[in-house]
Amino acid sequence: MSKATIQLESLTCPSCLQKIDNAVKGLDGVEKESVNVMFNSSKVKLNFDDSKININKIEEAISKLGYEVKKSSVR
């Protein structure tokens, strides 16, 4: 299991947070209980199974919603 922190552009509304939360939780390989979208810091923290999904696919899912991914770190 890998842990990721994804820095986004500033989130402007709570519904943005909900959209990102639902999209990321819907990805196969993401541990749903671990997903934490932080409104104030505009970050998403999550755990994922790197044998099923990679960070690029997670970033892509967020980008498709119209939110810019600034940077990601995976450990």
Protein backbone atom coordinates (compact mmCIF):
# COMPACT_ATOMS: atom_id res chain seq x y z
CA MET A 1 0.00 0.00 0.00
CA SER A 2 1.36 3.42 -0.96
CA LYS A 3 0.46 6.71 0.70
CA ALA A 4 -0.06 9.78 -1.47
CA THR A 5 -0.46 13.48 -0.77
CA ILE A 6 -1.74 15.50 -3.71
CA GLN A 7 -1.54 19.30 -3.65
CA LEU A 8 -4.32 20.98 -5.65
CA GLU A 9 -5.07 24.50 -6.74
CA SER A 10 -7.10 26.36 -4.10
CA LEU A 11 -10.50 24.79 -3.53
CA THR A 12 -13.25 27.40 -3.58
CA CYS A 13 -16.32 25.59 -2.30
CA PRO A 14 -17.36 22.59 -0.21
CA SER A 15 -19.06 20.99 -3.23
CA CYS A 16 -15.62 20.88 -4.94
CA LEU A 17 -14.40 18.85 -1.99
CA GLN A 18 -17.34 16.43 -2.33
CA LYS A 19 -16.77 15.97 -6.09
CA ILE A 20 -13.08 15.15 -5.59
CA ASP A 21 -13.86 12.87 -2.65
CA ASN A 22 -16.41 10.85 -4.66
CA ALA A 23 -14.20 10.62 -7.77
CA VAL A 24 -11.13 9.41 -5.86
CA LYS A 25 -13.14 6.93 -3.76
CA GLY A 26 -14.62 5.54 -6.97
CA LEU A 27 -11.22 4.47 -8.34
CA ASP A 28 -10.33 0.79 -8.17
CA GLY A 29 -7.27 0.31 -5.98
CA VAL A 30 -7.87 3.34 -3.72
CA GLU A 31 -8.51 2.54 -0.05
CA LYS A 32 -11.83 4.37 0.41
CA GLU A 33 -11.51 4.81 4.20
CA SER A 34 -8.15 6.53 3.74
CA VAL A 35 -9.35 9.30 1.40
CA ASN A 36 -9.17 12.71 3.09
CA VAL A 37 -9.82 15.86 1.07
CA MET A 38 -8.70 18.88 3.09
CA PHE A 39 -10.50 22.05 2.12
CA ASN A 40 -8.30 24.62 3.89
CA SER A 41 -4.97 23.28 2.62
CA SER A 42 -6.36 22.07 -0.76
CA LYS A 43 -4.78 18.66 -0.33
CA VAL A 44 -5.94 15.11 -0.86
CA LYS A 45 -4.39 12.35 1.22
CA LEU A 46 -5.03 8.70 0.46
CA ASN A 47 -3.67 5.18 0.43
CA PHE A 48 -3.70 3.11 -2.74
CA ASP A 49 -2.67 -0.30 -3.97
CA ASP A 50 0.07 0.36 -6.53
CA SER A 51 -0.48 -3.04 -8.12
CA LYS A 52 -3.97 -1.85 -9.18
CA ILE A 53 -3.58 1.89 -9.80
CA ASN A 54 -0.80 4.48 -10.02
CA ILE A 55 -0.59 8.11 -8.94
CA ASN A 56 -0.96 9.32 -12.54
CA LYS A 57 -4.41 7.72 -12.83
CA ILE A 58 -5.49 9.33 -9.56
CA GLU A 59 -4.22 12.74 -10.70
CA GLU A 60 -5.98 12.25 -14.04
CA ALA A 61 -9.31 11.56 -12.31
CA ILE A 62 -8.97 14.82 -10.36
CA SER A 63 -7.86 16.78 -13.44
CA LYS A 64 -10.86 15.50 -15.43
CA LEU A 65 -13.09 17.21 -12.85
CA GLY A 66 -11.38 20.50 -13.70
CA TYR A 67 -9.04 20.83 -10.71
CA GLU A 68 -5.36 21.50 -11.28
CA VAL A 69 -2.96 19.12 -9.57
CA LYS A 70 0.07 21.17 -8.45
CA LYS A 71 2.23 18.29 -7.22
CA SER A 72 2.06 14.86 -5.64
CA SER A 73 4.23 12.90 -3.29
CA VAL A 74 4.05 9.16 -2.82
CA ARG A 75 5.69 7.09 -0.11
